[in-house]
Amino acid sequence: MTPKTIASFALVCIVFAAGAAPAQAQTPATPDSGTPAKTTPQSNRVRIEVTGGDADTPVENASVYLKYVEERKLRKDKKIELNVKTNREGVAHVPDAPLGKVLIQVIAEGWKTYGKWIEITEPRQIIKVKLEKPPRWY
C-alpha cells in the first residue's frame, strides 16, 4: 500500500467512527436485550383511595376536590380546583396533579366531610382517606 492510500483509508475510518459514535450514545439499549429502550414521559397522576367506617368499606360516588395555588412571577397567583368522583372501589384518579402542597377535600352523602393539606412528593402517589360517620342527632 502506498502512503497516500493509507492516509485516505485512515481518514475514512476516522469519519466513519465519528459519525457512528453519537448515534450509539443517543439510543441507549436495555440491559437484557439489544433493542433501544423507549422513554415515555411520566405524568403526575395521584390516586386517592376513600374508605369509611370501622370495616374500611370503599365509598363510591364521593366528590374529591383537589385545590392548589399555581405561582406566577409577573401576575397574581392562580388558584386551581380539580373535582373528581370515586368509582365503585372508592378510588379517584387525579390526572396532572401538581407536586407540592395541596388541599384535599372529600364530600360523600352519609359521611362526615374530610379536608386536609397534603404534600405531594412523587408523580404517582397514593393517598388514603378514611371517612367517619357523622354524629347522631337526637
Protein backbone atom coordinates (compact mmCIF):
# COMPACT_ATOMS: atom_id res chain seq x y z
CA MET A 1 0.00 0.00 0.00
CA THR A 2 1.17 3.46 -0.75
CA PRO A 3 1.27 6.19 1.89
CA LYS A 4 -1.47 8.05 0.03
CA THR A 5 -3.92 5.12 0.24
CA ILE A 6 -3.06 4.53 3.90
CA ALA A 7 -3.81 8.19 4.69
CA SER A 8 -7.10 8.12 2.79
CA PHE A 9 -8.07 4.82 4.49
CA ALA A 10 -7.30 6.36 7.92
CA LEU A 11 -9.36 9.43 7.04
CA VAL A 12 -12.33 7.27 6.04
CA CYS A 13 -12.05 5.29 9.32
CA ILE A 14 -11.96 8.50 11.38
CA VAL A 15 -15.01 9.95 9.62
CA PHE A 16 -16.92 6.67 9.99
CA ALA A 17 -16.04 6.38 13.69
CA ALA A 18 -17.01 9.99 14.39
CA GLY A 19 -20.36 9.57 12.63
CA ALA A 20 -21.22 6.27 14.34
CA ALA A 21 -20.28 7.24 17.90
CA PRO A 22 -23.01 9.88 18.51
CA ALA A 23 -25.70 7.57 17.14
CA GLN A 24 -24.73 4.90 19.68
CA ALA A 25 -24.73 7.34 22.58
CA GLN A 26 -28.21 8.67 21.76
CA THR A 27 -30.01 5.32 21.63
CA PRO A 28 -29.45 3.52 24.97
CA ALA A 29 -30.06 -0.21 24.91
CA THR A 30 -31.92 -2.12 27.58
CA PRO A 31 -29.66 -4.35 29.69
CA ASP A 32 -31.40 -7.61 28.76
CA SER A 33 -31.77 -7.07 25.01
CA GLY A 34 -30.03 -5.25 22.21
CA THR A 35 -33.05 -3.11 21.26
CA PRO A 36 -33.19 0.58 22.21
CA ALA A 37 -35.30 1.49 25.21
CA LYS A 38 -38.26 3.80 24.63
CA THR A 39 -38.56 6.64 27.11
CA THR A 40 -42.11 7.66 27.98
CA PRO A 41 -42.78 10.93 29.76
CA GLN A 42 -44.11 10.23 33.22
CA SER A 43 -47.13 12.35 34.12
CA ASN A 44 -48.33 13.17 37.59
CA ARG A 45 -51.32 11.02 38.44
CA VAL A 46 -52.38 10.91 42.06
CA ARG A 47 -54.57 8.05 43.26
CA ILE A 48 -56.90 8.80 46.17
CA GLU A 49 -58.44 5.81 47.95
CA VAL A 50 -61.53 6.70 50.02
CA THR A 51 -62.77 4.25 52.66
CA GLY A 52 -65.15 4.68 55.56
CA GLY A 53 -66.46 3.13 58.74
CA ASP A 54 -64.97 0.54 61.03
CA ALA A 55 -64.76 -2.08 58.26
CA ASP A 56 -62.94 0.27 55.84
CA THR A 57 -65.54 -0.20 53.12
CA PRO A 58 -64.93 1.70 49.88
CA VAL A 59 -67.03 4.87 49.49
CA GLU A 60 -68.34 5.20 45.95
CA ASN A 61 -69.54 8.37 44.21
CA ALA A 62 -67.76 10.67 46.68
CA SER A 63 -66.70 14.10 45.40
CA VAL A 64 -62.96 14.64 45.75
CA TYR A 65 -61.70 18.22 45.44
CA LEU A 66 -58.02 18.97 44.96
CA LYS A 67 -57.14 22.65 45.46
CA TYR A 68 -53.75 24.27 44.96
CA VAL A 69 -52.14 27.59 44.02
CA GLU A 70 -50.12 27.94 40.82
CA GLU A 71 -47.42 30.51 41.50
CA ARG A 72 -46.67 33.14 38.87
CA LYS A 73 -43.78 35.59 38.67
CA LEU A 74 -45.38 38.56 36.96
CA ARG A 75 -49.09 38.26 37.74
CA LYS A 76 -51.19 37.30 40.73
CA ASP A 77 -51.03 33.63 41.78
CA LYS A 78 -53.71 31.45 40.18
CA LYS A 79 -55.97 29.30 42.38
CA ILE A 80 -56.89 26.00 40.73
CA GLU A 81 -59.50 23.45 41.82
CA LEU A 82 -59.93 19.95 40.39
CA ASN A 83 -63.05 17.86 41.02
CA VAL A 84 -63.22 14.08 40.51
CA LYS A 85 -65.54 11.31 41.73
CA THR A 86 -64.68 7.95 43.23
CA ASN A 87 -65.56 4.70 41.45
CA ARG A 88 -67.10 1.56 42.98
CA GLU A 89 -63.80 0.59 44.56
CA GLY A 90 -63.61 4.01 46.26
CA VAL A 91 -60.70 5.17 44.08
CA ALA A 92 -60.38 8.56 42.41
CA HIS A 93 -57.60 9.33 39.90
CA VAL A 94 -56.43 12.94 39.61
CA PRO A 95 -54.57 13.48 36.31
CA ASP A 96 -51.81 16.10 36.07
CA ALA A 97 -51.72 16.78 39.80
CA PRO A 98 -49.01 19.24 40.85
CA LEU A 99 -46.10 18.38 43.10
CA GLY A 100 -46.21 20.35 46.34
CA LYS A 101 -48.78 21.30 48.95
CA VAL A 102 -52.45 20.68 48.04
CA LEU A 103 -55.75 20.73 49.90
CA ILE A 104 -57.78 17.53 49.54
CA GLN A 105 -61.47 17.68 50.44
CA VAL A 106 -63.82 14.69 50.26
CA ILE A 107 -67.60 15.06 50.43
CA ALA A 108 -69.87 12.00 50.42
CA GLU A 109 -73.51 11.53 51.30
CA GLY A 110 -73.92 9.95 54.73
CA TRP A 111 -70.29 10.62 55.76
CA LYS A 112 -68.51 13.39 57.64
CA THR A 113 -66.69 15.86 55.35
CA TYR A 114 -62.90 15.39 55.16
CA GLY A 115 -60.33 18.08 54.48
CA LYS A 116 -56.55 18.11 54.89
CA TRP A 117 -53.43 19.77 53.45
CA ILE A 118 -51.14 17.11 51.99
CA GLU A 119 -47.68 17.34 50.45
CA ILE A 120 -47.43 15.51 47.11
CA THR A 121 -43.81 14.44 46.66
CA GLU A 122 -44.00 11.69 43.99
CA PRO A 123 -45.51 11.75 40.48
CA ARG A 124 -47.52 8.57 41.19
CA GLN A 125 -48.54 8.91 44.83
CA ILE A 126 -51.33 7.02 46.62
CA ILE A 127 -53.28 8.94 49.26
CA LYS A 128 -55.58 7.06 51.63
CA VAL A 129 -58.58 8.89 53.12
CA LYS A 130 -60.72 7.40 55.89
CA LEU A 131 -64.16 8.94 56.38
CA GLU A 132 -66.12 8.79 59.61
CA LYS A 133 -69.84 8.59 60.31
CA PRO A 134 -71.38 11.91 61.36
CA PRO A 135 -72.55 12.37 64.97
CA ARG A 136 -76.07 11.22 65.62
CA TRP A 137 -78.70 13.90 66.26
CA TYR A 138 -81.49 13.18 68.72
